[in-house]
Amino acid sequence: MMNERAKEVLKLIRGGESQFVEFKKKAAHPEKIIREVVAFANANGGHLFIGVNDDGTLAGLKYPEDEEYVLTKAIQELCRPAVSFKVELLQIKDVEILHYHISESENKPHFAFLEKKHRYGKAFVRVADHSIQASYEVRQILKKSKRINRPIEIEEKTMELFKYFESHPGITLNEYTQLSGLNKKLASNKLIHLALSGALKIEPKEGGDIFLPTE
């Protein structure tokens, strides 16, 4: 019979991949897996399972200790700043899997590096069941989001933007650059400021983030 912890984890796995859950069959290429770790830390935390197929079936691990060593070493060496996590080896039914519980970070954004010696890494965020690279705007919002909300400056550009939202659900940086007549850097700073003030929210997208008014 399975113990209560195994039942709890199996229920989580049966829910499939999501904003908070990711499956990997093996840790053979840990430099690719750490993007999921970083994405969870930059979002609301999550659960990474090694030894589970994409469809949620249990593949199991032949040498779980070796897999744990490789992936844990990669997380410790290739994620900066350091990511807080816990790892446990679980036996479910007749197979063994690894469960990494990644905590939401207080020190965002985190970056994933391909090699320890590399100077620059890439930040990722979790969107639904995918980890996508964070834009400059997302990184700035993550970095500054713990600070006190800035007041909204009610001026012509702000009023123009919210009038735009009366007939459009959201706006990209490129669209706002055209709408406002500002150069891209100033338009970016304006959207970041409005997001930090709580007036806008950002939805990260591969093809360009969407800024929407908060409800």
N, C-alpha and C. Protein backbone atom coordinates (compact mmCIF):
# COMPACT_ATOMS: atom_id res chain seq x y z
N MET A 1 0.83 -1.21 0.00
CA MET A 1 0.00 0.00 0.00
C MET A 1 0.86 1.26 0.00
N MET A 2 0.38 2.30 -0.68
CA MET A 2 1.12 3.56 -0.71
C MET A 2 0.89 4.33 0.59
N ASN A 3 1.93 5.01 1.05
CA ASN A 3 1.76 5.87 2.22
C ASN A 3 1.03 7.16 1.81
N GLU A 4 0.69 7.96 2.79
CA GLU A 4 -0.10 9.16 2.52
C GLU A 4 0.65 10.16 1.65
N ARG A 5 1.96 10.26 1.87
CA ARG A 5 2.76 11.20 1.07
C ARG A 5 2.75 10.80 -0.41
N ALA A 6 2.90 9.52 -0.68
CA ALA A 6 2.89 9.02 -2.05
C ALA A 6 1.53 9.28 -2.70
N LYS A 7 0.45 9.10 -1.94
CA LYS A 7 -0.90 9.36 -2.47
C LYS A 7 -1.08 10.84 -2.82
N GLU A 8 -0.54 11.69 -1.95
CA GLU A 8 -0.64 13.14 -2.15
C GLU A 8 0.09 13.56 -3.43
N VAL A 9 1.29 13.01 -3.61
CA VAL A 9 2.10 13.34 -4.78
C VAL A 9 1.45 12.78 -6.05
N LEU A 10 0.94 11.57 -5.99
CA LEU A 10 0.29 10.96 -7.16
C LEU A 10 -0.92 11.78 -7.59
N LYS A 11 -1.65 12.31 -6.65
CA LYS A 11 -2.80 13.16 -6.97
C LYS A 11 -2.34 14.42 -7.70
N LEU A 12 -1.21 14.98 -7.25
CA LEU A 12 -0.66 16.17 -7.88
C LEU A 12 -0.23 15.86 -9.32
N ILE A 13 0.39 14.70 -9.51
CA ILE A 13 0.85 14.29 -10.84
C ILE A 13 -0.34 14.05 -11.77
N ARG A 14 -1.38 13.44 -11.26
CA ARG A 14 -2.56 13.15 -12.08
C ARG A 14 -3.24 14.42 -12.59
N GLY A 15 -2.97 15.53 -11.92
CA GLY A 15 -3.54 16.81 -12.37
C GLY A 15 -2.87 17.34 -13.63
N GLY A 16 -1.73 16.74 -14.00
CA GLY A 16 -1.03 17.14 -15.22
C GLY A 16 -0.14 18.36 -15.05
N GLU A 17 0.60 18.66 -16.11
CA GLU A 17 1.47 19.84 -16.07
C GLU A 17 0.62 21.11 -16.05
N SER A 18 1.14 22.11 -15.32
CA SER A 18 0.36 23.33 -15.13
C SER A 18 1.30 24.47 -14.75
N GLN A 19 0.69 25.55 -14.30
CA GLN A 19 1.45 26.70 -13.78
C GLN A 19 2.40 26.27 -12.67
N PHE A 20 2.03 25.23 -11.93
CA PHE A 20 2.79 24.84 -10.75
C PHE A 20 3.44 23.46 -10.85
N VAL A 21 3.27 22.76 -11.96
CA VAL A 21 3.76 21.38 -12.07
C VAL A 21 4.47 21.17 -13.41
N GLU A 22 5.64 20.52 -13.36
CA GLU A 22 6.40 20.19 -14.57
C GLU A 22 6.94 18.77 -14.45
N PHE A 23 6.87 18.02 -15.56
CA PHE A 23 7.38 16.64 -15.60
C PHE A 23 8.62 16.55 -16.48
N LYS A 24 9.58 15.76 -16.04
CA LYS A 24 10.74 15.43 -16.85
C LYS A 24 11.02 13.93 -16.69
N LYS A 25 11.29 13.27 -17.81
CA LYS A 25 11.55 11.83 -17.75
C LYS A 25 12.88 11.53 -17.09
N LYS A 26 13.90 12.36 -17.39
CA LYS A 26 15.24 12.19 -16.84
C LYS A 26 15.88 13.54 -16.59
N ALA A 27 16.99 13.52 -15.87
CA ALA A 27 17.76 14.75 -15.64
C ALA A 27 19.04 14.72 -16.47
N ALA A 28 18.97 14.08 -17.64
CA ALA A 28 20.16 13.88 -18.47
C ALA A 28 20.76 15.20 -18.95
N HIS A 29 19.92 16.21 -19.17
CA HIS A 29 20.41 17.52 -19.61
C HIS A 29 19.96 18.59 -18.61
N PRO A 30 20.60 18.63 -17.44
CA PRO A 30 20.15 19.54 -16.38
C PRO A 30 20.19 21.01 -16.74
N GLU A 31 21.09 21.38 -17.67
CA GLU A 31 21.19 22.79 -18.08
C GLU A 31 19.91 23.25 -18.76
N LYS A 32 19.12 22.30 -19.29
CA LYS A 32 17.83 22.65 -19.90
C LYS A 32 16.71 22.66 -18.85
N ILE A 33 16.85 21.79 -17.86
CA ILE A 33 15.81 21.67 -16.84
C ILE A 33 15.80 22.87 -15.89
N ILE A 34 16.97 23.49 -15.67
CA ILE A 34 17.01 24.58 -14.68
C ILE A 34 16.18 25.79 -15.11
N ARG A 35 15.84 25.88 -16.39
CA ARG A 35 14.97 26.99 -16.79
C ARG A 35 13.60 26.84 -16.11
N GLU A 36 13.17 25.59 -15.90
CA GLU A 36 11.90 25.37 -15.20
C GLU A 36 12.03 25.77 -13.72
N VAL A 37 13.17 25.45 -13.15
CA VAL A 37 13.44 25.80 -11.74
C VAL A 37 13.41 27.31 -11.56
N VAL A 38 14.11 28.01 -12.44
CA VAL A 38 14.16 29.47 -12.39
C VAL A 38 12.77 30.07 -12.61
N ALA A 39 12.02 29.50 -13.56
CA ALA A 39 10.67 30.00 -13.84
C ALA A 39 9.76 29.88 -12.63
N PHE A 40 9.84 28.75 -11.93
CA PHE A 40 9.04 28.58 -10.72
C PHE A 40 9.43 29.59 -9.65
N ALA A 41 10.75 29.77 -9.46
CA ALA A 41 11.23 30.70 -8.44
C ALA A 41 10.81 32.13 -8.76
N ASN A 42 10.76 32.48 -10.04
CA ASN A 42 10.37 33.83 -10.46
C ASN A 42 8.86 34.03 -10.44
N ALA A 43 8.11 32.93 -10.35
CA ALA A 43 6.64 33.03 -10.30
C ALA A 43 6.17 32.73 -8.88
N ASN A 44 5.32 31.74 -8.73
CA ASN A 44 4.73 31.45 -7.42
C ASN A 44 5.21 30.12 -6.84
N GLY A 45 6.38 29.66 -7.33
CA GLY A 45 6.87 28.37 -6.86
C GLY A 45 6.25 27.24 -7.67
N GLY A 46 6.71 26.01 -7.43
CA GLY A 46 6.14 24.90 -8.16
C GLY A 46 6.79 23.57 -7.84
N HIS A 47 6.33 22.54 -8.54
CA HIS A 47 6.76 21.16 -8.31
C HIS A 47 7.35 20.58 -9.59
N LEU A 48 8.59 20.14 -9.51
CA LEU A 48 9.28 19.53 -10.64
C LEU A 48 9.46 18.05 -10.33
N PHE A 49 8.93 17.19 -11.21
CA PHE A 49 9.03 15.74 -11.00
C PHE A 49 9.96 15.14 -12.04
N ILE A 50 10.95 14.39 -11.60
CA ILE A 50 11.87 13.69 -12.49
C ILE A 50 11.53 12.21 -12.43
N GLY A 51 11.32 11.61 -13.62
CA GLY A 51 10.91 10.22 -13.67
C GLY A 51 9.44 10.09 -14.06
N VAL A 52 8.90 11.18 -14.61
CA VAL A 52 7.50 11.21 -15.03
C VAL A 52 7.43 11.67 -16.48
N ASN A 53 6.68 10.95 -17.30
CA ASN A 53 6.52 11.31 -18.71
C ASN A 53 5.63 12.54 -18.86
N ASP A 54 5.68 13.16 -20.04
CA ASP A 54 4.88 14.37 -20.30
C ASP A 54 3.39 14.15 -20.09
N ASP A 55 2.93 12.92 -20.33
CA ASP A 55 1.50 12.63 -20.18
C ASP A 55 1.12 12.26 -18.74
N GLY A 56 2.09 12.32 -17.83
CA GLY A 56 1.80 12.04 -16.42
C GLY A 56 1.99 10.59 -16.01
N THR A 57 2.34 9.72 -16.96
CA THR A 57 2.61 8.33 -16.58
C THR A 57 3.98 8.23 -15.90
N LEU A 58 4.10 7.29 -15.00
CA LEU A 58 5.33 7.15 -14.23
C LEU A 58 6.36 6.33 -14.99
N ALA A 59 7.46 6.98 -15.36
CA ALA A 59 8.55 6.27 -16.06
C ALA A 59 9.49 5.64 -15.04
N GLY A 60 9.67 6.32 -13.91
CA GLY A 60 10.59 5.84 -12.89
C GLY A 60 12.03 6.12 -13.25
N LEU A 61 12.90 5.99 -12.26
CA LEU A 61 14.33 6.24 -12.45
C LEU A 61 15.12 5.01 -12.05
N LYS A 62 16.04 4.60 -12.91
CA LYS A 62 16.86 3.42 -12.62
C LYS A 62 17.90 3.74 -11.56
N TYR A 63 18.49 4.94 -11.67
CA TYR A 63 19.51 5.36 -10.71
C TYR A 63 19.14 6.74 -10.15
N PRO A 64 18.14 6.79 -9.29
CA PRO A 64 17.65 8.08 -8.80
C PRO A 64 18.69 8.92 -8.07
N GLU A 65 19.60 8.27 -7.34
CA GLU A 65 20.63 9.02 -6.62
C GLU A 65 21.53 9.78 -7.58
N ASP A 66 21.86 9.14 -8.71
CA ASP A 66 22.70 9.80 -9.71
C ASP A 66 21.97 10.98 -10.35
N GLU A 67 20.68 10.78 -10.63
CA GLU A 67 19.88 11.85 -11.22
C GLU A 67 19.79 13.03 -10.26
N GLU A 68 19.58 12.73 -8.99
CA GLU A 68 19.49 13.78 -7.98
C GLU A 68 20.80 14.56 -7.88
N TYR A 69 21.90 13.85 -7.88
CA TYR A 69 23.21 14.49 -7.77
C TYR A 69 23.43 15.47 -8.93
N VAL A 70 23.15 15.01 -10.15
CA VAL A 70 23.38 15.82 -11.35
C VAL A 70 22.51 17.07 -11.35
N LEU A 71 21.21 16.90 -11.06
CA LEU A 71 20.30 18.03 -11.14
C LEU A 71 20.51 19.00 -9.97
N THR A 72 20.70 18.48 -8.78
CA THR A 72 20.92 19.34 -7.62
C THR A 72 22.18 20.18 -7.81
N LYS A 73 23.23 19.56 -8.34
CA LYS A 73 24.48 20.27 -8.61
C LYS A 73 24.24 21.39 -9.63
N ALA A 74 23.46 21.11 -10.65
CA ALA A 74 23.16 22.12 -11.67
C ALA A 74 22.36 23.28 -11.08
N ILE A 75 21.39 22.98 -10.25
CA ILE A 75 20.59 24.04 -9.62
C ILE A 75 21.47 24.93 -8.77
N GLN A 76 22.36 24.32 -8.02
CA GLN A 76 23.23 25.08 -7.12
C GLN A 76 24.28 25.90 -7.87
N GLU A 77 24.72 25.41 -9.02
CA GLU A 77 25.79 26.08 -9.75
C GLU A 77 25.31 26.98 -10.88
N LEU A 78 24.16 26.67 -11.47
CA LEU A 78 23.73 27.37 -12.68
C LEU A 78 22.53 28.29 -12.49
N CYS A 79 21.98 28.37 -11.29
CA CYS A 79 20.88 29.28 -11.00
C CYS A 79 21.39 30.41 -10.12
N ARG A 80 21.24 31.64 -10.58
CA ARG A 80 21.70 32.79 -9.80
C ARG A 80 20.66 33.89 -9.82
N PRO A 81 20.40 34.51 -8.67
CA PRO A 81 20.86 34.15 -7.33
C PRO A 81 20.39 32.73 -6.97
N ALA A 82 20.88 32.23 -5.84
CA ALA A 82 20.55 30.87 -5.42
C ALA A 82 19.04 30.70 -5.26
N VAL A 83 18.56 29.55 -5.69
CA VAL A 83 17.13 29.22 -5.60
C VAL A 83 16.89 28.32 -4.39
N SER A 84 15.83 28.59 -3.66
CA SER A 84 15.48 27.76 -2.51
C SER A 84 14.62 26.58 -2.96
N PHE A 85 15.02 25.37 -2.59
CA PHE A 85 14.28 24.18 -3.00
C PHE A 85 14.47 23.04 -2.01
N LYS A 86 13.57 22.08 -2.10
CA LYS A 86 13.69 20.83 -1.34
C LYS A 86 13.53 19.68 -2.31
N VAL A 87 14.24 18.60 -2.07
CA VAL A 87 14.14 17.44 -2.96
C VAL A 87 13.86 16.19 -2.14
N GLU A 88 13.02 15.33 -2.66
CA GLU A 88 12.73 14.06 -1.98
C GLU A 88 12.64 12.94 -3.00
N LEU A 89 13.09 11.78 -2.57
CA LEU A 89 13.00 10.56 -3.38
C LEU A 89 11.76 9.81 -2.92
N LEU A 90 10.89 9.50 -3.88
CA LEU A 90 9.62 8.86 -3.54
C LEU A 90 9.46 7.55 -4.29
N GLN A 91 8.89 6.58 -3.61
CA GLN A 91 8.51 5.34 -4.30
C GLN A 91 7.00 5.35 -4.44
N ILE A 92 6.56 5.33 -5.68
CA ILE A 92 5.12 5.31 -5.97
C ILE A 92 4.84 4.08 -6.81
N LYS A 93 3.93 3.28 -6.32
CA LYS A 93 3.67 1.97 -6.92
C LYS A 93 4.99 1.19 -6.93
N ASP A 94 5.51 0.84 -8.09
CA ASP A 94 6.74 0.04 -8.10
C ASP A 94 7.92 0.80 -8.71
N VAL A 95 7.81 2.15 -8.78
CA VAL A 95 8.91 2.93 -9.35
C VAL A 95 9.35 4.03 -8.39
N GLU A 96 10.56 4.55 -8.64
CA GLU A 96 11.08 5.65 -7.84
C GLU A 96 11.17 6.91 -8.70
N ILE A 97 10.77 8.03 -8.11
CA ILE A 97 10.84 9.32 -8.81
C ILE A 97 11.42 10.36 -7.85
N LEU A 98 11.84 11.48 -8.41
CA LEU A 98 12.33 12.60 -7.61
C LEU A 98 11.32 13.74 -7.67
N HIS A 99 11.14 14.37 -6.53
CA HIS A 99 10.24 15.53 -6.44
C HIS A 99 11.04 16.72 -5.93
N TYR A 100 11.13 17.76 -6.77
CA TYR A 100 11.77 19.02 -6.37
C TYR A 100 10.68 20.05 -6.11
N HIS A 101 10.63 20.54 -4.90
CA HIS A 101 9.68 21.59 -4.57
C HIS A 101 10.44 22.92 -4.59
N ILE A 102 10.13 23.77 -5.55
CA ILE A 102 10.80 25.05 -5.71
C ILE A 102 9.96 26.14 -5.03
N SER A 103 10.59 26.89 -4.15
CA SER A 103 9.88 27.95 -3.44
C SER A 103 9.82 29.23 -4.26
N GLU A 104 8.74 29.98 -4.10
CA GLU A 104 8.70 31.31 -4.69
C GLU A 104 9.79 32.15 -4.05
N SER A 105 10.50 32.91 -4.84
CA SER A 105 11.64 33.66 -4.33
C SER A 105 11.26 35.04 -3.83
N GLU A 106 12.05 35.52 -2.87
CA GLU A 106 11.94 36.90 -2.39
C GLU A 106 13.02 37.75 -3.07
N ASN A 107 13.82 37.13 -3.92
CA ASN A 107 14.98 37.81 -4.50
C ASN A 107 14.96 37.69 -6.02
N LYS A 108 13.86 38.08 -6.64
CA LYS A 108 13.68 37.97 -8.08
C LYS A 108 14.36 39.15 -8.80
N PRO A 109 14.74 38.96 -10.06
CA PRO A 109 14.60 37.76 -10.88
C PRO A 109 15.80 36.82 -10.75
N HIS A 110 15.56 35.54 -11.01
CA HIS A 110 16.62 34.53 -11.04
C HIS A 110 16.96 34.24 -12.50
N PHE A 111 18.21 33.83 -12.72
CA PHE A 111 18.69 33.57 -14.08
C PHE A 111 19.26 32.16 -14.18
N ALA A 112 19.06 31.55 -15.33
CA ALA A 112 19.62 30.22 -15.62
C ALA A 112 20.82 30.41 -16.54
N PHE A 113 21.92 29.74 -16.19
CA PHE A 113 23.16 29.82 -16.96
C PHE A 113 23.44 28.47 -17.61
N LEU A 114 23.93 28.51 -18.84
CA LEU A 114 24.25 27.26 -19.53
C LEU A 114 25.48 26.59 -18.93
N GLU A 115 26.44 27.40 -18.49
CA GLU A 115 27.64 26.87 -17.86
C GLU A 115 28.01 27.75 -16.68
N LYS A 116 28.68 27.16 -15.71
CA LYS A 116 29.06 27.87 -14.50
C LYS A 116 29.92 29.09 -14.78
N LYS A 117 30.78 28.98 -15.78
CA LYS A 117 31.73 30.06 -16.09
C LYS A 117 31.08 31.22 -16.85
N HIS A 118 29.88 31.03 -17.36
CA HIS A 118 29.24 32.08 -18.14
C HIS A 118 28.90 33.30 -17.28
N ARG A 119 29.01 34.46 -17.89
CA ARG A 119 28.77 35.71 -17.17
C ARG A 119 27.30 36.10 -17.16
N TYR A 120 26.61 35.77 -18.24
CA TYR A 120 25.21 36.17 -18.36
C TYR A 120 24.29 34.95 -18.52
N GLY A 121 23.15 35.03 -17.86
CA GLY A 121 22.16 33.97 -17.97
C GLY A 121 20.86 34.53 -18.52
N LYS A 122 19.82 33.70 -18.52
CA LYS A 122 18.50 34.11 -19.00
C LYS A 122 17.47 33.89 -17.91
N ALA A 123 16.59 34.86 -17.76
CA ALA A 123 15.50 34.74 -16.78
C ALA A 123 14.30 34.11 -17.47
N PHE A 124 13.58 33.28 -16.73
CA PHE A 124 12.37 32.64 -17.25
C PHE A 124 11.24 32.84 -16.27
N VAL A 125 10.02 32.84 -16.79
CA VAL A 125 8.83 32.91 -15.95
C VAL A 125 7.87 31.80 -16.36
N ARG A 126 7.02 31.43 -15.46
CA ARG A 126 6.06 30.35 -15.71
C ARG A 126 4.75 30.94 -16.20
N VAL A 127 4.31 30.47 -17.36
CA VAL A 127 3.02 30.88 -17.92
C VAL A 127 2.27 29.62 -18.30
N ALA A 128 1.16 29.36 -17.61
CA ALA A 128 0.41 28.10 -17.79
C ALA A 128 1.38 26.94 -17.57
N ASP A 129 1.51 26.03 -18.56
CA ASP A 129 2.41 24.89 -18.37
C ASP A 129 3.72 25.04 -19.14
N HIS A 130 4.09 26.30 -19.40
CA HIS A 130 5.34 26.57 -20.13
C HIS A 130 6.23 27.52 -19.34
N SER A 131 7.53 27.41 -19.57
CA SER A 131 8.49 28.36 -19.01
C SER A 131 9.03 29.17 -20.18
N ILE A 132 8.79 30.48 -20.14
CA ILE A 132 9.22 31.33 -21.26
C ILE A 132 10.23 32.36 -20.79
N GLN A 133 11.07 32.79 -21.72
CA GLN A 133 12.10 33.77 -21.36
C GLN A 133 11.45 35.10 -21.03
N ALA A 134 11.92 35.71 -19.95
CA ALA A 134 11.35 36.97 -19.49
C ALA A 134 11.93 38.15 -20.27
N SER A 135 11.06 39.05 -20.64
CA SER A 135 11.48 40.27 -21.33
C SER A 135 12.13 41.23 -20.33
N TYR A 136 12.71 42.31 -20.85
CA TYR A 136 13.28 43.35 -19.99
C TYR A 136 12.21 43.90 -19.06
N GLU A 137 11.02 44.13 -19.58
CA GLU A 137 9.94 44.69 -18.77
C GLU A 137 9.55 43.75 -17.63
N VAL A 138 9.42 42.47 -17.93
CA VAL A 138 9.08 41.50 -16.89
C VAL A 138 10.17 41.45 -15.82
N ARG A 139 11.42 41.46 -16.25
CA ARG A 139 12.54 41.41 -15.29
C ARG A 139 12.52 42.63 -14.37
N GLN A 140 12.26 43.78 -14.92
CA GLN A 140 12.22 44.99 -14.10
C GLN A 140 11.06 44.96 -13.11
N ILE A 141 9.92 44.47 -13.55
CA ILE A 141 8.76 44.38 -12.66
C ILE A 141 9.02 43.37 -11.54
N LEU A 142 9.64 42.24 -11.88
CA LEU A 142 10.00 41.25 -10.86
C LEU A 142 10.97 41.85 -9.85
N LYS A 143 11.94 42.58 -10.35
CA LYS A 143 13.00 43.15 -9.51
C LYS A 143 12.45 44.19 -8.53
N LYS A 144 11.50 44.98 -9.01
CA LYS A 144 11.02 46.12 -8.21
C LYS A 144 9.67 45.91 -7.56
N SER A 145 9.08 44.73 -7.77
CA SER A 145 7.70 44.52 -7.31
C SER A 145 7.53 44.51 -5.80
N LYS A 146 8.61 44.26 -5.05
CA LYS A 146 8.50 44.23 -3.59
C LYS A 146 8.57 45.62 -2.97
N ARG A 147 8.89 46.60 -3.80
CA ARG A 147 8.96 47.97 -3.29
C ARG A 147 7.56 48.55 -3.15
N ILE A 148 7.46 49.63 -2.42
CA ILE A 148 6.16 50.28 -2.22
C ILE A 148 5.63 50.75 -3.58
N ASN A 149 4.36 50.49 -3.82
CA ASN A 149 3.75 50.91 -5.09
C ASN A 149 3.90 52.41 -5.31
N ARG A 150 4.27 52.75 -6.52
CA ARG A 150 4.41 54.15 -6.85
C ARG A 150 3.05 54.73 -7.24
N PRO A 151 2.79 55.99 -6.90
CA PRO A 151 1.51 56.59 -7.31
C PRO A 151 1.46 56.78 -8.82
N ILE A 152 0.26 56.71 -9.36
CA ILE A 152 0.08 56.92 -10.80
C ILE A 152 0.12 58.41 -11.08
N GLU A 153 0.88 58.78 -12.10
CA GLU A 153 0.91 60.16 -12.53
C GLU A 153 -0.20 60.35 -13.58
N ILE A 154 -1.22 61.11 -13.20
CA ILE A 154 -2.33 61.33 -14.13
C ILE A 154 -1.94 62.45 -15.08
N GLU A 155 -1.45 62.07 -16.24
CA GLU A 155 -1.08 63.05 -17.26
C GLU A 155 -1.60 62.56 -18.60
N GLU A 156 -1.35 63.34 -19.61
CA GLU A 156 -1.97 63.10 -20.91
C GLU A 156 -1.71 61.70 -21.47
N LYS A 157 -0.45 61.24 -21.37
CA LYS A 157 -0.11 59.92 -21.92
C LYS A 157 -0.86 58.81 -21.19
N THR A 158 -1.01 58.95 -19.87
CA THR A 158 -1.73 57.94 -19.09
C THR A 158 -3.21 57.93 -19.47
N MET A 159 -3.82 59.10 -19.57
CA MET A 159 -5.23 59.20 -19.93
C MET A 159 -5.47 58.64 -21.34
N GLU A 160 -4.53 58.91 -22.23
CA GLU A 160 -4.62 58.41 -23.61
C GLU A 160 -4.60 56.89 -23.64
N LEU A 161 -3.73 56.30 -22.80
CA LEU A 161 -3.62 54.85 -22.74
C LEU A 161 -4.90 54.22 -22.22
N PHE A 162 -5.47 54.78 -21.15
CA PHE A 162 -6.68 54.18 -20.59
C PHE A 162 -7.90 54.41 -21.48
N LYS A 163 -7.86 55.43 -22.27
CA LYS A 163 -8.92 55.61 -23.27
C LYS A 163 -8.80 54.51 -24.33
N TYR A 164 -7.58 54.16 -24.67
CA TYR A 164 -7.32 53.08 -25.63
C TYR A 164 -7.91 51.76 -25.12
N PHE A 165 -7.81 51.54 -23.81
CA PHE A 165 -8.32 50.30 -23.22
C PHE A 165 -9.84 50.20 -23.28
N GLU A 166 -10.52 51.30 -23.54
CA GLU A 166 -11.97 51.26 -23.64
C GLU A 166 -12.42 50.44 -24.85
N SER A 167 -11.55 50.35 -25.86
CA SER A 167 -11.91 49.60 -27.06
C SER A 167 -10.91 48.49 -27.39
N HIS A 168 -9.90 48.31 -26.55
CA HIS A 168 -8.90 47.26 -26.74
C HIS A 168 -8.63 46.55 -25.42
N PRO A 169 -8.55 45.22 -25.42
CA PRO A 169 -8.34 44.49 -24.15
C PRO A 169 -6.94 44.64 -23.56
N GLY A 170 -5.96 44.92 -24.41
CA GLY A 170 -4.59 45.02 -23.91
C GLY A 170 -3.71 45.70 -24.95
N ILE A 171 -2.42 45.87 -24.59
CA ILE A 171 -1.51 46.56 -25.50
C ILE A 171 -0.10 45.99 -25.34
N THR A 172 0.63 45.88 -26.44
CA THR A 172 2.02 45.45 -26.40
C THR A 172 2.92 46.68 -26.32
N LEU A 173 4.18 46.46 -26.04
CA LEU A 173 5.13 47.58 -26.01
C LEU A 173 5.21 48.26 -27.38
N ASN A 174 5.25 47.47 -28.43
CA ASN A 174 5.33 48.07 -29.77
C ASN A 174 4.09 48.90 -30.09
N GLU A 175 2.94 48.38 -29.69
CA GLU A 175 1.69 49.12 -29.93
C GLU A 175 1.66 50.41 -29.12
N TYR A 176 2.16 50.34 -27.88
CA TYR A 176 2.15 51.55 -27.05
C TYR A 176 3.16 52.57 -27.56
N THR A 177 4.27 52.10 -28.10
CA THR A 177 5.26 53.00 -28.69
C THR A 177 4.62 53.81 -29.81
N GLN A 178 3.83 53.14 -30.64
CA GLN A 178 3.14 53.83 -31.74
C GLN A 178 2.04 54.75 -31.21
N LEU A 179 1.28 54.28 -30.25
CA LEU A 179 0.18 55.07 -29.71
C LEU A 179 0.67 56.34 -29.03
N SER A 180 1.72 56.21 -28.24
CA SER A 180 2.18 57.33 -27.41
C SER A 180 3.10 58.29 -28.14
N GLY A 181 3.77 57.79 -29.19
CA GLY A 181 4.75 58.64 -29.86
C GLY A 181 6.08 58.71 -29.12
N LEU A 182 6.21 57.97 -28.03
CA LEU A 182 7.45 57.93 -27.26
C LEU A 182 8.43 56.97 -27.93
N ASN A 183 9.72 57.16 -27.66
CA ASN A 183 10.66 56.16 -28.15
C ASN A 183 10.49 54.89 -27.31
N LYS A 184 11.08 53.80 -27.77
CA LYS A 184 10.81 52.50 -27.15
C LYS A 184 11.22 52.44 -25.68
N LYS A 185 12.33 53.06 -25.34
CA LYS A 185 12.80 53.04 -23.95
C LYS A 185 11.85 53.79 -23.03
N LEU A 186 11.42 54.98 -23.45
CA LEU A 186 10.50 55.76 -22.63
C LEU A 186 9.15 55.07 -22.51
N ALA A 187 8.69 54.46 -23.62
CA ALA A 187 7.42 53.73 -23.59
C ALA A 187 7.52 52.53 -22.64
N SER A 188 8.64 51.85 -22.69
CA SER A 188 8.88 50.71 -21.79
C SER A 188 8.84 51.16 -20.34
N ASN A 189 9.56 52.23 -20.04
CA ASN A 189 9.60 52.74 -18.66
C ASN A 189 8.22 53.16 -18.17
N LYS A 190 7.42 53.72 -19.07
CA LYS A 190 6.07 54.15 -18.71
C LYS A 190 5.20 52.95 -18.35
N LEU A 191 5.26 51.90 -19.15
CA LEU A 191 4.47 50.69 -18.88
C LEU A 191 4.94 50.00 -17.59
N ILE A 192 6.24 49.95 -17.38
CA ILE A 192 6.78 49.36 -16.15
C ILE A 192 6.28 50.14 -14.94
N HIS A 193 6.35 51.46 -15.01
CA HIS A 193 5.89 52.32 -13.91
C HIS A 193 4.41 52.07 -13.60
N LEU A 194 3.59 51.98 -14.64
CA LEU A 194 2.16 51.76 -14.44
C LEU A 194 1.88 50.37 -13.86
N ALA A 195 2.70 49.39 -14.25
CA ALA A 195 2.55 48.04 -13.69
C ALA A 195 2.94 48.03 -12.22
N LEU A 196 4.02 48.72 -11.88
CA LEU A 196 4.47 48.77 -10.48
C LEU A 196 3.50 49.56 -9.60
N SER A 197 2.79 50.50 -10.20
CA SER A 197 1.81 51.29 -9.43
C SER A 197 0.54 50.50 -9.16
N GLY A 198 0.37 49.39 -9.90
CA GLY A 198 -0.84 48.58 -9.73
C GLY A 198 -1.92 48.93 -10.72
N ALA A 199 -1.67 49.90 -11.60
CA ALA A 199 -2.68 50.29 -12.59
C ALA A 199 -2.78 49.30 -13.73
N LEU A 200 -1.63 48.66 -14.06
CA LEU A 200 -1.60 47.67 -15.13
C LEU A 200 -1.09 46.34 -14.59
N LYS A 201 -1.41 45.28 -15.30
CA LYS A 201 -0.82 43.98 -15.05
C LYS A 201 -0.19 43.51 -16.35
N ILE A 202 0.79 42.63 -16.23
CA ILE A 202 1.51 42.17 -17.41
C ILE A 202 1.30 40.67 -17.59
N GLU A 203 1.05 40.27 -18.83
CA GLU A 203 0.95 38.86 -19.18
C GLU A 203 2.13 38.53 -20.10
N PRO A 204 3.15 37.82 -19.59
CA PRO A 204 4.30 37.50 -20.44
C PRO A 204 3.90 36.61 -21.61
N LYS A 205 4.41 36.95 -22.78
CA LYS A 205 4.14 36.19 -24.00
C LYS A 205 5.43 36.04 -24.78
N GLU A 206 5.57 34.90 -25.48
CA GLU A 206 6.75 34.68 -26.31
C GLU A 206 6.89 35.76 -27.39
N GLY A 207 5.79 36.13 -28.01
CA GLY A 207 5.84 37.09 -29.11
C GLY A 207 5.71 38.54 -28.69
N GLY A 208 5.67 38.80 -27.41
CA GLY A 208 5.52 40.16 -26.91
C GLY A 208 4.53 40.22 -25.78
N ASP A 209 4.95 40.75 -24.64
CA ASP A 209 4.09 40.81 -23.46
C ASP A 209 2.85 41.66 -23.72
N ILE A 210 1.78 41.33 -23.02
CA ILE A 210 0.54 42.11 -23.09
C ILE A 210 0.35 42.84 -21.78
N PHE A 211 0.11 44.14 -21.86
CA PHE A 211 -0.21 44.94 -20.69
C PHE A 211 -1.71 45.19 -20.68
N LEU A 212 -2.34 44.96 -19.52
CA LEU A 212 -3.79 45.09 -19.39
C LEU A 212 -4.10 45.92 -18.15
N PRO A 213 -5.23 46.63 -18.17
CA PRO A 213 -5.62 47.35 -16.96
C PRO A 213 -6.05 46.37 -15.87
N THR A 214 -5.69 46.68 -14.65
CA THR A 214 -6.12 45.83 -13.53
C THR A 214 -7.59 46.11 -13.25
N GLU A 215 -8.27 45.10 -12.77
CA GLU A 215 -9.71 45.26 -12.52
C GLU A 215 -9.95 45.68 -11.08
